[in-house]
Amino acid sequence: MSKLTLAAIAATSACAGAAVTAALFSSRPKQTPTPTITTTTTTTTAPTTTPIPIPNRPDTLSKPLTAIAPVDPTGIFQYGFPGPVADLNPTPSLASSYDRRTRNPAWVAEHITPASLALRAGDRKHSVFYEDPAIPEKFRARLKDYYRSGYDRGHQVPAADAKWSQEAMDATFALSNMCPQVGEGFNRDYWAHFEDFCRRLTLTYPSVRIVTGPLYLPKRDVDGKWRVSYEVIGSPPSVAVPTHFYKVVFAEDGRVGGDVAVGAFVLPNAVIPNGKSLGEFEAPLEVVERASGLEFASRLPVTRRKRLCGEVRCDIMVKDYKERQKSFQQAQAQQTQSRP
């Protein structure tokens, strides 16, 4: 990926500089056992009705209480837990986690296989965009938020990946699976070609898992300082327009405990010439994790990982859309027929 994008990702910590950049690529610190928690209760403190999670703070928990606390900060939980709350939403075609602050998903995960892409039970013309009833009403993205915004309702899990049933395809049209995306030159062009690249991986791998989501990365202002700035659409303005998007791809070889080709990519939410190599947008997985605040492969041993762009050519194919889809479907059908 470009040096400018890498620099932007590297600046997502509290401040930019050599120390921050080094920290992005530093190894994860060794975890230490959680110390025993010693607590003291009195008859003057009202008991809570539900167990309260205690933050993992070894620096404080290692010190036993020496006096009875005169206050109960966690007592506020009796009126409700402030959050943040992740609205987890599993559907037949995707699983997602919704960010109530930005009205965008934090991540959306999908799974595609040669068999799932070969089925044609769902038709896009029968699907409509809709506000997700699984999200509390005051936190939902609304259809009117996108009206005349100048942005597309950009699928994070594409409808074309869920043609195996109408129900599966319909689920991809929930606004909880959408982010505002630049239309011409991105969502309808390079981004669509990138989605096609992911589908074409099933010609080589029997199982492909993909996590997609938005990023809000800083850029350097004229005064030399890094700031995060993004547009907000809607009335009232509430839906954030991401500055970038990421995809983390896991191409599995099909064996239990087998190798997994991992690729992480960060693309700007902007017009991208079709001549750009997809490899220019490849990023270290750890950098994407730091930029997003998420972890994608904490349980995948390094010994099982391979670099996706070292295994396959990371490039998009730009052809007439109908011609590309026709040739792809024929290849999928032939591959499915040849499998035992």
C-alpha atoms as a PDB file:
ATOM      1  CA  MET A   1       0.000   0.000   0.000  1.00  0.00           C
ATOM      2  CA  SER A   2       1.068   3.596  -0.395  1.00  0.00           C
ATOM      3  CA  LYS A   3       3.474   5.220   2.066  1.00  0.00           C
ATOM      4  CA  LEU A   4       0.903   7.935   2.784  1.00  0.00           C
ATOM      5  CA  THR A   5      -1.708   5.392   3.853  1.00  0.00           C
ATOM      6  CA  LEU A   6       0.798   3.553   6.014  1.00  0.00           C
ATOM      7  CA  ALA A   7       1.784   6.829   7.614  1.00  0.00           C
ATOM      8  CA  ALA A   8      -1.852   7.607   8.305  1.00  0.00           C
ATOM      9  CA  ILE A   9      -2.404   4.227   9.903  1.00  0.00           C
ATOM     10  CA  ALA A  10       0.748   4.612  11.960  1.00  0.00           C
ATOM     11  CA  ALA A  11      -0.603   7.864  13.382  1.00  0.00           C
ATOM     12  CA  THR A  12      -3.745   6.335  14.841  1.00  0.00           C
ATOM     13  CA  SER A  13      -2.190   6.173  18.314  1.00  0.00           C
ATOM     14  CA  ALA A  14      -2.273   9.136  20.691  1.00  0.00           C
ATOM     15  CA  CYS A  15       0.577  10.904  18.907  1.00  0.00           C
ATOM     16  CA  ALA A  16       2.746  10.340  15.863  1.00  0.00           C
ATOM     17  CA  GLY A  17       6.467   9.824  15.925  1.00  0.00           C
ATOM     18  CA  ALA A  18       9.208   7.247  15.861  1.00  0.00           C
ATOM     19  CA  ALA A  19       8.129   5.745  19.165  1.00  0.00           C
ATOM     20  CA  VAL A  20       4.563   5.245  17.968  1.00  0.00           C
ATOM     21  CA  THR A  21       5.610   3.745  14.670  1.00  0.00           C
ATOM     22  CA  ALA A  22       7.929   1.361  16.467  1.00  0.00           C
ATOM     23  CA  ALA A  23       5.119   0.417  18.835  1.00  0.00           C
ATOM     24  CA  LEU A  24       2.878  -0.505  15.906  1.00  0.00           C
ATOM     25  CA  PHE A  25       5.266  -3.232  14.851  1.00  0.00           C
ATOM     26  CA  SER A  26       6.405  -4.302  18.297  1.00  0.00           C
ATOM     27  CA  SER A  27       5.488  -7.720  19.563  1.00  0.00           C
ATOM     28  CA  ARG A  28       2.585  -8.159  21.909  1.00  0.00           C
ATOM     29  CA  PRO A  29       3.677  -8.057  25.561  1.00  0.00           C
ATOM     30  CA  LYS A  30       3.647 -11.289  27.460  1.00  0.00           C
ATOM     31  CA  GLN A  31       0.503 -11.776  29.470  1.00  0.00           C
ATOM     32  CA  THR A  32       0.855 -12.254  33.178  1.00  0.00           C
ATOM     33  CA  PRO A  33      -1.527 -14.247  35.363  1.00  0.00           C
ATOM     34  CA  THR A  34      -4.344 -12.174  36.820  1.00  0.00           C
ATOM     35  CA  PRO A  35      -3.602 -11.628  40.533  1.00  0.00           C
ATOM     36  CA  THR A  36      -5.985 -12.737  43.240  1.00  0.00           C
ATOM     37  CA  ILE A  37      -8.578 -10.067  44.043  1.00  0.00           C
ATOM     38  CA  THR A  38      -9.161  -9.332  47.708  1.00  0.00           C
ATOM     39  CA  THR A  39     -12.355  -7.456  48.549  1.00  0.00           C
ATOM     40  CA  THR A  40     -13.945  -6.274  51.756  1.00  0.00           C
ATOM     41  CA  THR A  41     -17.685  -5.885  52.232  1.00  0.00           C
ATOM     42  CA  THR A  42     -19.662  -4.070  54.903  1.00  0.00           C
ATOM     43  CA  THR A  43     -23.274  -4.001  55.966  1.00  0.00           C
ATOM     44  CA  THR A  44     -23.492  -0.289  55.113  1.00  0.00           C
ATOM     45  CA  THR A  45     -23.027  -0.800  51.368  1.00  0.00           C
ATOM     46  CA  ALA A  46     -26.066  -1.888  49.388  1.00  0.00           C
ATOM     47  CA  PRO A  47     -25.349  -5.151  47.523  1.00  0.00           C
ATOM     48  CA  THR A  48     -25.525  -5.096  43.749  1.00  0.00           C
ATOM     49  CA  THR A  49     -28.037  -7.334  42.008  1.00  0.00           C
ATOM     50  CA  THR A  50     -25.648  -8.474  39.261  1.00  0.00           C
ATOM     51  CA  PRO A  51     -21.925  -9.282  39.283  1.00  0.00           C
ATOM     52  CA  ILE A  52     -19.847  -6.337  38.086  1.00  0.00           C
ATOM     53  CA  PRO A  53     -16.851  -6.933  35.782  1.00  0.00           C
ATOM     54  CA  ILE A  54     -13.633  -5.645  37.329  1.00  0.00           C
ATOM     55  CA  PRO A  55     -11.118  -4.156  34.884  1.00  0.00           C
ATOM     56  CA  ASN A  56      -7.828  -5.985  34.506  1.00  0.00           C
ATOM     57  CA  ARG A  57      -5.587  -3.552  36.375  1.00  0.00           C
ATOM     58  CA  PRO A  58      -2.652  -5.505  37.829  1.00  0.00           C
ATOM     59  CA  ASP A  59      -1.155  -2.305  39.203  1.00  0.00           C
ATOM     60  CA  THR A  60      -4.108  -1.796  41.538  1.00  0.00           C
ATOM     61  CA  LEU A  61      -5.444  -5.317  42.014  1.00  0.00           C
ATOM     62  CA  SER A  62      -2.107  -6.528  43.331  1.00  0.00           C
ATOM     63  CA  LYS A  63      -2.537  -4.231  46.318  1.00  0.00           C
ATOM     64  CA  PRO A  64      -4.968  -5.562  48.939  1.00  0.00           C
ATOM     65  CA  LEU A  65      -7.459  -3.099  50.400  1.00  0.00           C
ATOM     66  CA  THR A  66      -6.191  -1.681  53.684  1.00  0.00           C
ATOM     67  CA  ALA A  67      -9.367   0.176  54.627  1.00  0.00           C
ATOM     68  CA  ILE A  68     -13.085  -0.018  54.075  1.00  0.00           C
ATOM     69  CA  ALA A  69     -13.976   2.025  50.987  1.00  0.00           C
ATOM     70  CA  PRO A  70     -16.429   4.828  51.818  1.00  0.00           C
ATOM     71  CA  VAL A  71     -17.768   4.881  48.241  1.00  0.00           C
ATOM     72  CA  ASP A  72     -19.092   2.442  45.646  1.00  0.00           C
ATOM     73  CA  PRO A  73     -18.334   3.758  42.116  1.00  0.00           C
ATOM     74  CA  THR A  74     -19.876   0.694  40.463  1.00  0.00           C
ATOM     75  CA  GLY A  75     -23.180   1.375  42.168  1.00  0.00           C
ATOM     76  CA  ILE A  76     -24.128   3.395  39.086  1.00  0.00           C
ATOM     77  CA  PHE A  77     -24.653   0.086  37.304  1.00  0.00           C
ATOM     78  CA  GLN A  78     -27.947  -0.353  39.153  1.00  0.00           C
ATOM     79  CA  TYR A  79     -29.347   2.189  36.697  1.00  0.00           C
ATOM     80  CA  GLY A  80     -27.844   0.471  33.658  1.00  0.00           C
ATOM     81  CA  PHE A  81     -24.443  -0.226  32.146  1.00  0.00           C
ATOM     82  CA  PRO A  82     -23.298   2.812  30.095  1.00  0.00           C
ATOM     83  CA  GLY A  83     -21.395   0.804  27.513  1.00  0.00           C
ATOM     84  CA  PRO A  84     -19.895   0.654  25.013  1.00  0.00           C
ATOM     85  CA  VAL A  85     -22.292  -2.000  23.760  1.00  0.00           C
ATOM     86  CA  ALA A  86     -21.516  -4.055  20.666  1.00  0.00           C
ATOM     87  CA  ASP A  87     -24.679  -5.074  18.837  1.00  0.00           C
ATOM     88  CA  LEU A  88     -23.698  -8.540  17.626  1.00  0.00           C
ATOM     89  CA  ASN A  89     -25.943  -9.721  14.826  1.00  0.00           C
ATOM     90  CA  PRO A  90     -25.532 -13.177  13.264  1.00  0.00           C
ATOM     91  CA  THR A  91     -27.541 -13.820  10.079  1.00  0.00           C
ATOM     92  CA  PRO A  92     -27.418 -16.652   7.521  1.00  0.00           C
ATOM     93  CA  SER A  93     -24.978 -14.766   5.289  1.00  0.00           C
ATOM     94  CA  LEU A  94     -22.959 -12.629   7.711  1.00  0.00           C
ATOM     95  CA  ALA A  95     -22.072 -11.826  11.302  1.00  0.00           C
ATOM     96  CA  SER A  96     -21.549  -8.228  12.336  1.00  0.00           C
ATOM     97  CA  SER A  97     -20.749  -5.924  15.208  1.00  0.00           C
ATOM     98  CA  TYR A  98     -22.375  -2.483  15.074  1.00  0.00           C
ATOM     99  CA  ASP A  99     -20.812   0.773  16.264  1.00  0.00           C
ATOM    100  CA  ARG A 100     -23.574   2.930  17.718  1.00  0.00           C
ATOM    101  CA  ARG A 101     -21.470   6.097  17.678  1.00  0.00           C
ATOM    102  CA  THR A 102     -20.738   6.093  13.953  1.00  0.00           C
ATOM    103  CA  ARG A 103     -23.932   4.285  12.813  1.00  0.00           C
ATOM    104  CA  ASN A 104     -21.611   2.017  10.847  1.00  0.00           C
ATOM    105  CA  PRO A 105     -20.553  -1.563  11.484  1.00  0.00           C
ATOM    106  CA  ALA A 106     -17.244  -2.020  13.296  1.00  0.00           C
ATOM    107  CA  TRP A 107     -16.749  -5.253  11.375  1.00  0.00           C
ATOM    108  CA  VAL A 108     -18.740  -7.644   9.210  1.00  0.00           C
ATOM    109  CA  ALA A 109     -17.630 -11.241   8.669  1.00  0.00           C
ATOM    110  CA  GLU A 110     -18.591 -13.614   5.870  1.00  0.00           C
ATOM    111  CA  HIS A 111     -17.694 -17.061   4.565  1.00  0.00           C
ATOM    112  CA  ILE A 112     -17.656 -18.034   0.897  1.00  0.00           C
ATOM    113  CA  THR A 113     -16.964 -21.376  -0.749  1.00  0.00           C
ATOM    114  CA  PRO A 114     -17.128 -22.704  -4.310  1.00  0.00           C
ATOM    115  CA  ALA A 115     -20.465 -24.354  -3.452  1.00  0.00           C
ATOM    116  CA  SER A 116     -22.018 -21.221  -1.942  1.00  0.00           C
ATOM    117  CA  LEU A 117     -21.054 -19.099  -4.951  1.00  0.00           C
ATOM    118  CA  ALA A 118     -22.320 -21.691  -7.433  1.00  0.00           C
ATOM    119  CA  LEU A 119     -25.889 -21.532  -6.069  1.00  0.00           C
ATOM    120  CA  ARG A 120     -28.299 -19.027  -7.615  1.00  0.00           C
ATOM    121  CA  ALA A 121     -31.408 -19.113  -5.384  1.00  0.00           C
ATOM    122  CA  GLY A 122     -31.315 -15.406  -4.510  1.00  0.00           C
ATOM    123  CA  ASP A 123     -31.959 -12.477  -6.828  1.00  0.00           C
ATOM    124  CA  ARG A 124     -30.913  -8.911  -6.070  1.00  0.00           C
ATOM    125  CA  LYS A 125     -34.022  -7.472  -7.731  1.00  0.00           C
ATOM    126  CA  HIS A 126     -36.135  -8.959  -4.918  1.00  0.00           C
ATOM    127  CA  SER A 127     -34.056  -7.305  -2.158  1.00  0.00           C
ATOM    128  CA  VAL A 128     -34.509  -3.800  -0.757  1.00  0.00           C
ATOM    129  CA  PHE A 129     -32.432  -1.655   1.581  1.00  0.00           C
ATOM    130  CA  TYR A 130     -33.894  -1.497   5.089  1.00  0.00           C
ATOM    131  CA  GLU A 131     -33.191  -0.096   8.545  1.00  0.00           C
ATOM    132  CA  ASP A 132     -32.028  -2.869  10.856  1.00  0.00           C
ATOM    133  CA  PRO A 133     -34.670  -3.554  13.545  1.00  0.00           C
ATOM    134  CA  ALA A 134     -32.032  -5.381  15.621  1.00  0.00           C
ATOM    135  CA  ILE A 135     -30.382  -2.015  16.373  1.00  0.00           C
ATOM    136  CA  PRO A 136     -32.044   0.260  18.989  1.00  0.00           C
ATOM    137  CA  GLU A 137     -34.029   2.884  17.081  1.00  0.00           C
ATOM    138  CA  LYS A 138     -32.083   5.910  18.340  1.00  0.00           C
ATOM    139  CA  PHE A 139     -28.806   4.380  17.138  1.00  0.00           C
ATOM    140  CA  ARG A 140     -29.896   3.127  13.722  1.00  0.00           C
ATOM    141  CA  ALA A 141     -28.696   4.430  10.399  1.00  0.00           C
ATOM    142  CA  ARG A 142     -31.777   5.473   8.451  1.00  0.00           C
ATOM    143  CA  LEU A 143     -32.642   5.359   4.785  1.00  0.00           C
ATOM    144  CA  LYS A 144     -33.208   9.111   4.780  1.00  0.00           C
ATOM    145  CA  ASP A 145     -29.658   9.633   6.095  1.00  0.00           C
ATOM    146  CA  TYR A 146     -28.307   8.542   2.711  1.00  0.00           C
ATOM    147  CA  TYR A 147     -30.847  10.498   0.660  1.00  0.00           C
ATOM    148  CA  ARG A 148     -29.020  13.081  -1.478  1.00  0.00           C
ATOM    149  CA  SER A 149     -25.895  12.583   0.625  1.00  0.00           C
ATOM    150  CA  GLY A 150     -23.695  12.060  -2.411  1.00  0.00           C
ATOM    151  CA  TYR A 151     -22.619   8.629  -1.123  1.00  0.00           C
ATOM    152  CA  ASP A 152     -23.606   5.088  -2.001  1.00  0.00           C
ATOM    153  CA  ARG A 153     -24.992   2.686   0.569  1.00  0.00           C
ATOM    154  CA  GLY A 154     -21.863   0.567   0.378  1.00  0.00           C
ATOM    155  CA  HIS A 155     -22.232  -3.128   1.187  1.00  0.00           C
ATOM    156  CA  GLN A 156     -19.535  -4.463   3.500  1.00  0.00           C
ATOM    157  CA  VAL A 157     -20.588  -8.023   2.692  1.00  0.00           C
ATOM    158  CA  PRO A 158     -21.586  -7.845  -0.989  1.00  0.00           C
ATOM    159  CA  ALA A 159     -24.947  -9.156  -2.129  1.00  0.00           C
ATOM    160  CA  ALA A 160     -23.178 -11.142  -4.848  1.00  0.00           C
ATOM    161  CA  ASP A 161     -21.605 -13.321  -2.135  1.00  0.00           C
ATOM    162  CA  ALA A 162     -25.025 -14.373  -0.805  1.00  0.00           C
ATOM    163  CA  LYS A 163     -26.893 -15.633  -3.855  1.00  0.00           C
ATOM    164  CA  TRP A 164     -27.272 -19.062  -2.328  1.00  0.00           C
ATOM    165  CA  SER A 165     -30.676 -18.064  -0.843  1.00  0.00           C
ATOM    166  CA  GLN A 166     -33.023 -15.096  -1.001  1.00  0.00           C
ATOM    167  CA  GLU A 167     -33.016 -14.810   2.798  1.00  0.00           C
ATOM    168  CA  ALA A 168     -29.213 -14.684   2.801  1.00  0.00           C
ATOM    169  CA  MET A 169     -29.154 -12.006   0.129  1.00  0.00           C
ATOM    170  CA  ASP A 170     -31.845  -9.938   1.862  1.00  0.00           C
ATOM    171  CA  ALA A 171     -29.722  -9.854   5.043  1.00  0.00           C
ATOM    172  CA  THR A 172     -26.925  -8.073   3.171  1.00  0.00           C
ATOM    173  CA  PHE A 173     -29.259  -5.110   2.486  1.00  0.00           C
ATOM    174  CA  ALA A 174     -29.647  -4.116   6.149  1.00  0.00           C
ATOM    175  CA  LEU A 175     -28.163  -0.673   6.784  1.00  0.00           C
ATOM    176  CA  SER A 176     -26.097  -2.269   9.558  1.00  0.00           C
ATOM    177  CA  ASN A 177     -24.130  -3.846   6.684  1.00  0.00           C
ATOM    178  CA  MET A 178     -23.645  -0.471   4.980  1.00  0.00           C
ATOM    179  CA  CYS A 179     -21.233   2.432   5.132  1.00  0.00           C
ATOM    180  CA  PRO A 180     -21.267   5.641   3.090  1.00  0.00           C
ATOM    181  CA  GLN A 181     -18.952   5.005   0.147  1.00  0.00           C
ATOM    182  CA  VAL A 182     -17.830   7.111  -2.780  1.00  0.00           C
ATOM    183  CA  GLY A 183     -19.812   5.760  -5.735  1.00  0.00           C
ATOM    184  CA  GLU A 184     -18.185   6.326  -9.122  1.00  0.00           C
ATOM    185  CA  GLY A 185     -14.565   5.245  -9.076  1.00  0.00           C
ATOM    186  CA  PHE A 186     -14.814   3.299  -5.833  1.00  0.00           C
ATOM    187  CA  ASN A 187     -17.938   1.407  -4.714  1.00  0.00           C
ATOM    188  CA  ARG A 188     -19.087   0.812  -8.285  1.00  0.00           C
ATOM    189  CA  ASP A 189     -15.591   0.293  -9.621  1.00  0.00           C
ATOM    190  CA  TYR A 190     -12.385  -0.567  -7.740  1.00  0.00           C
ATOM    191  CA  TRP A 191     -14.157  -1.816  -4.595  1.00  0.00           C
ATOM    192  CA  ALA A 192     -16.394  -4.049  -6.740  1.00  0.00           C
ATOM    193  CA  HIS A 193     -13.307  -5.426  -8.507  1.00  0.00           C
ATOM    194  CA  PHE A 194     -11.755  -6.100  -5.083  1.00  0.00           C
ATOM    195  CA  GLU A 195     -14.852  -8.056  -4.047  1.00  0.00           C
ATOM    196  CA  ASP A 196     -14.534 -10.020  -7.279  1.00  0.00           C
ATOM    197  CA  PHE A 197     -10.894 -10.776  -6.411  1.00  0.00           C
ATOM    198  CA  CYS A 198     -12.064 -12.280  -3.099  1.00  0.00           C
ATOM    199  CA  ARG A 199     -14.616 -14.462  -4.876  1.00  0.00           C
ATOM    200  CA  ARG A 200     -11.976 -15.655  -7.328  1.00  0.00           C
ATOM    201  CA  LEU A 201      -9.902 -16.941  -4.426  1.00  0.00           C
ATOM    202  CA  THR A 202     -12.405 -19.825  -4.183  1.00  0.00           C
ATOM    203  CA  LEU A 203     -10.983 -21.119  -7.457  1.00  0.00           C
ATOM    204  CA  THR A 204      -7.795 -21.848  -5.497  1.00  0.00           C
ATOM    205  CA  TYR A 205      -9.018 -22.280  -1.914  1.00  0.00           C
ATOM    206  CA  PRO A 206     -12.018 -24.376  -0.779  1.00  0.00           C
ATOM    207  CA  SER A 207     -12.885 -21.950   2.022  1.00  0.00           C
ATOM    208  CA  VAL A 208     -12.447 -18.164   2.234  1.00  0.00           C
ATOM    209  CA  ARG A 209     -13.378 -16.042   5.235  1.00  0.00           C
ATOM    210  CA  ILE A 210     -13.408 -12.241   5.038  1.00  0.00           C
ATOM    211  CA  VAL A 211     -13.769  -9.481   7.628  1.00  0.00           C
ATOM    212  CA  THR A 212     -14.592  -6.017   6.295  1.00  0.00           C
ATOM    213  CA  GLY A 213     -15.110  -2.682   7.980  1.00  0.00           C
ATOM    214  CA  PRO A 214     -14.509   1.080   8.090  1.00  0.00           C
ATOM    215  CA  LEU A 215     -11.549   3.064   9.362  1.00  0.00           C
ATOM    216  CA  TYR A 216     -11.252   6.702  10.412  1.00  0.00           C
ATOM    217  CA  LEU A 217      -7.605   7.562   9.890  1.00  0.00           C
ATOM    218  CA  PRO A 218      -5.767  10.821  10.595  1.00  0.00           C
ATOM    219  CA  LYS A 219      -4.068  13.070   8.106  1.00  0.00           C
ATOM    220  CA  ARG A 220      -1.418  15.733   8.608  1.00  0.00           C
ATOM    221  CA  ASP A 221      -2.674  19.310   8.629  1.00  0.00           C
ATOM    222  CA  VAL A 222      -0.753  22.329   7.380  1.00  0.00           C
ATOM    223  CA  ASP A 223       0.532  22.933  10.900  1.00  0.00           C
ATOM    224  CA  GLY A 224       2.215  19.525  10.860  1.00  0.00           C
ATOM    225  CA  LYS A 225      -0.140  17.963  13.407  1.00  0.00           C
ATOM    226  CA  TRP A 226      -2.161  14.829  12.752  1.00  0.00           C
ATOM    227  CA  ARG A 227      -5.942  15.046  13.112  1.00  0.00           C
ATOM    228  CA  VAL A 228      -8.880  12.747  12.460  1.00  0.00           C
ATOM    229  CA  SER A 229     -11.549  14.451  10.377  1.00  0.00           C
ATOM    230  CA  TYR A 230     -14.508  12.853   8.620  1.00  0.00           C
ATOM    231  CA  GLU A 231     -17.831  13.950   7.202  1.00  0.00           C
ATOM    232  CA  VAL A 232     -21.124  13.065   8.897  1.00  0.00           C
ATOM    233  CA  ILE A 233     -24.327  12.692   6.877  1.00  0.00           C
ATOM    234  CA  GLY A 234     -27.999  12.540   7.790  1.00  0.00           C
ATOM    235  CA  SER A 235     -30.547  14.807   9.420  1.00  0.00           C
ATOM    236  CA  PRO A 236     -29.550  15.305  12.144  1.00  0.00           C
ATOM    237  CA  PRO A 237     -25.982  14.439  11.043  1.00  0.00           C
ATOM    238  CA  SER A 238     -25.217  11.066  12.633  1.00  0.00           C
ATOM    239  CA  VAL A 239     -23.784   8.613  10.074  1.00  0.00           C
ATOM    240  CA  ALA A 240     -19.998   8.886   9.817  1.00  0.00           C
ATOM    241  CA  VAL A 241     -18.307   8.743   6.422  1.00  0.00           C
ATOM    242  CA  PRO A 242     -15.220   6.509   6.798  1.00  0.00           C
ATOM    243  CA  THR A 243     -11.917   7.767   5.462  1.00  0.00           C
ATOM    244  CA  HIS A 244     -10.783   4.223   4.609  1.00  0.00           C
ATOM    245  CA  PHE A 245     -11.968   0.618   4.523  1.00  0.00           C
ATOM    246  CA  TYR A 246     -10.178  -2.597   5.403  1.00  0.00           C
ATOM    247  CA  LYS A 247     -10.561  -6.203   4.399  1.00  0.00           C
ATOM    248  CA  VAL A 248      -8.824  -9.054   6.190  1.00  0.00           C
ATOM    249  CA  VAL A 249      -8.907 -12.262   4.151  1.00  0.00           C
ATOM    250  CA  PHE A 250      -8.348 -15.805   5.433  1.00  0.00           C
ATOM    251  CA  ALA A 251      -7.925 -18.302   2.592  1.00  0.00           C
ATOM    252  CA  GLU A 252      -8.034 -21.806   4.099  1.00  0.00           C
ATOM    253  CA  ASP A 253      -6.507 -24.879   2.480  1.00  0.00           C
ATOM    254  CA  GLY A 254      -9.345 -27.099   3.728  1.00  0.00           C
ATOM    255  CA  ARG A 255      -7.279 -29.299   6.052  1.00  0.00           C
ATOM    256  CA  VAL A 256      -7.974 -29.465   9.778  1.00  0.00           C
ATOM    257  CA  GLY A 257      -5.152 -27.484  11.330  1.00  0.00           C
ATOM    258  CA  GLY A 258      -3.927 -26.625   7.839  1.00  0.00           C
ATOM    259  CA  ASP A 259      -2.348 -23.491   6.447  1.00  0.00           C
ATOM    260  CA  VAL A 260      -4.225 -20.206   6.158  1.00  0.00           C
ATOM    261  CA  ALA A 261      -3.171 -17.536   3.671  1.00  0.00           C
ATOM    262  CA  VAL A 262      -3.830 -14.198   5.358  1.00  0.00           C
ATOM    263  CA  GLY A 263      -4.079 -10.878   3.592  1.00  0.00           C
ATOM    264  CA  ALA A 264      -4.902  -7.454   5.058  1.00  0.00           C
ATOM    265  CA  PHE A 265      -5.758  -4.476   2.872  1.00  0.00           C
ATOM    266  CA  VAL A 266      -6.597  -0.814   3.496  1.00  0.00           C
ATOM    267  CA  LEU A 267      -8.225   1.265   0.753  1.00  0.00           C
ATOM    268  CA  PRO A 268      -9.114   4.969   0.865  1.00  0.00           C
ATOM    269  CA  ASN A 269     -12.784   5.911   0.486  1.00  0.00           C
ATOM    270  CA  ALA A 270     -12.011   7.768  -2.704  1.00  0.00           C
ATOM    271  CA  VAL A 271     -11.718   7.338  -6.450  1.00  0.00           C
ATOM    272  CA  ILE A 272      -9.034   4.728  -7.247  1.00  0.00           C
ATOM    273  CA  PRO A 273      -7.804   4.235 -10.813  1.00  0.00           C
ATOM    274  CA  ASN A 274      -8.421   0.700 -12.043  1.00  0.00           C
ATOM    275  CA  GLY A 275      -4.777   0.509 -13.048  1.00  0.00           C
ATOM    276  CA  LYS A 276      -3.680   0.453  -9.415  1.00  0.00           C
ATOM    277  CA  SER A 277      -2.358  -2.899  -8.232  1.00  0.00           C
ATOM    278  CA  LEU A 278      -4.235  -4.340  -5.278  1.00  0.00           C
ATOM    279  CA  GLY A 279      -0.852  -5.169  -3.784  1.00  0.00           C
ATOM    280  CA  GLU A 280      -0.287  -1.445  -3.238  1.00  0.00           C
ATOM    281  CA  PHE A 281      -3.020  -1.525  -0.604  1.00  0.00           C
ATOM    282  CA  GLU A 282      -1.652  -4.524   1.305  1.00  0.00           C
ATOM    283  CA  ALA A 283      -0.851  -3.728   4.946  1.00  0.00           C
ATOM    284  CA  PRO A 284       0.603  -5.702   7.865  1.00  0.00           C
ATOM    285  CA  LEU A 285      -2.187  -7.323   9.850  1.00  0.00           C
ATOM    286  CA  GLU A 286      -0.876  -5.777  13.080  1.00  0.00           C
ATOM    287  CA  VAL A 287      -1.161  -2.279  11.609  1.00  0.00           C
ATOM    288  CA  VAL A 288      -4.794  -2.830  10.634  1.00  0.00           C
ATOM    289  CA  GLU A 289      -5.481  -4.147  14.127  1.00  0.00           C
ATOM    290  CA  ARG A 290      -3.974  -1.065  15.744  1.00  0.00           C
ATOM    291  CA  ALA A 291      -5.887   1.235  13.409  1.00  0.00           C
ATOM    292  CA  SER A 292      -9.226  -0.509  13.971  1.00  0.00           C
ATOM    293  CA  GLY A 293      -8.862  -1.443  17.636  1.00  0.00           C
ATOM    294  CA  LEU A 294      -9.728  -5.024  16.697  1.00  0.00           C
ATOM    295  CA  GLU A 295      -7.937  -8.384  16.728  1.00  0.00           C
ATOM    296  CA  PHE A 296      -8.386 -10.733  13.815  1.00  0.00           C
ATOM    297  CA  ALA A 297      -6.058 -13.686  14.312  1.00  0.00           C
ATOM    298  CA  SER A 298      -5.265 -13.979  18.013  1.00  0.00           C
ATOM    299  CA  ARG A 299      -5.983 -17.736  17.915  1.00  0.00           C
ATOM    300  CA  LEU A 300      -4.260 -18.456  14.612  1.00  0.00           C
ATOM    301  CA  PRO A 301      -0.696 -19.659  15.295  1.00  0.00           C
ATOM    302  CA  VAL A 302       1.995 -17.936  13.290  1.00  0.00           C
ATOM    303  CA  THR A 303       3.200 -21.368  12.160  1.00  0.00           C
ATOM    304  CA  ARG A 304      -0.062 -21.841  10.226  1.00  0.00           C
ATOM    305  CA  ARG A 305      -0.043 -18.433   8.551  1.00  0.00           C
ATOM    306  CA  LYS A 306       1.075 -17.683   5.030  1.00  0.00           C
ATOM    307  CA  ARG A 307       1.100 -14.329   3.287  1.00  0.00           C
ATOM    308  CA  LEU A 308      -1.782 -14.270   0.816  1.00  0.00           C
ATOM    309  CA  CYS A 309      -0.018 -12.008  -1.684  1.00  0.00           C
ATOM    310  CA  GLY A 310       2.943 -14.378  -1.556  1.00  0.00           C
ATOM    311  CA  GLU A 311       0.699 -17.303  -2.522  1.00  0.00           C
ATOM    312  CA  VAL A 312      -1.483 -15.675  -5.192  1.00  0.00           C
ATOM    313  CA  ARG A 313      -1.201 -12.617  -7.389  1.00  0.00           C
ATOM    314  CA  CYS A 314      -2.950  -9.754  -5.594  1.00  0.00           C
ATOM    315  CA  ASP A 315      -4.401  -7.859  -8.503  1.00  0.00           C
ATOM    316  CA  ILE A 316      -7.860  -6.958  -9.707  1.00  0.00           C
ATOM    317  CA  MET A 317      -9.334  -7.933 -13.061  1.00  0.00           C
ATOM    318  CA  VAL A 318     -11.105  -5.175 -14.954  1.00  0.00           C
ATOM    319  CA  LYS A 319     -13.426  -6.466 -17.666  1.00  0.00           C
ATOM    320  CA  ASP A 320     -16.947  -5.873 -18.777  1.00  0.00           C
ATOM    321  CA  TYR A 321     -18.983  -6.731 -15.673  1.00  0.00           C
ATOM    322  CA  LYS A 322     -21.413  -9.133 -17.370  1.00  0.00           C
ATOM    323  CA  GLU A 323     -18.595 -10.886 -19.208  1.00  0.00           C
ATOM    324  CA  ARG A 324     -16.602 -11.230 -15.981  1.00  0.00           C
ATOM    325  CA  GLN A 325     -19.561 -12.628 -14.053  1.00  0.00           C
ATOM    326  CA  LYS A 326     -20.394 -15.088 -16.836  1.00  0.00           C
ATOM    327  CA  SER A 327     -16.841 -16.449 -17.043  1.00  0.00           C
ATOM    328  CA  PHE A 328     -16.618 -16.664 -13.257  1.00  0.00           C
ATOM    329  CA  GLN A 329     -19.893 -18.593 -12.974  1.00  0.00           C
ATOM    330  CA  GLN A 330     -18.756 -21.033 -15.648  1.00  0.00           C
ATOM    331  CA  ALA A 331     -15.478 -21.628 -13.817  1.00  0.00           C
ATOM    332  CA  GLN A 332     -17.335 -22.165 -10.528  1.00  0.00           C
ATOM    333  CA  ALA A 333     -19.734 -24.648 -12.134  1.00  0.00           C
ATOM    334  CA  GLN A 334     -16.881 -26.632 -13.662  1.00  0.00           C
ATOM    335  CA  GLN A 335     -15.000 -26.708 -10.373  1.00  0.00           C
ATOM    336  CA  THR A 336     -18.096 -27.829  -8.440  1.00  0.00           C
ATOM    337  CA  GLN A 337     -18.779 -30.637 -10.914  1.00  0.00           C
ATOM    338  CA  SER A 338     -15.194 -31.860 -10.680  1.00  0.00           C
ATOM    339  CA  ARG A 339     -15.292 -32.128  -6.862  1.00  0.00           C
ATOM    340  CA  PRO A 340     -16.145 -35.560  -5.386  1.00  0.00           C
END
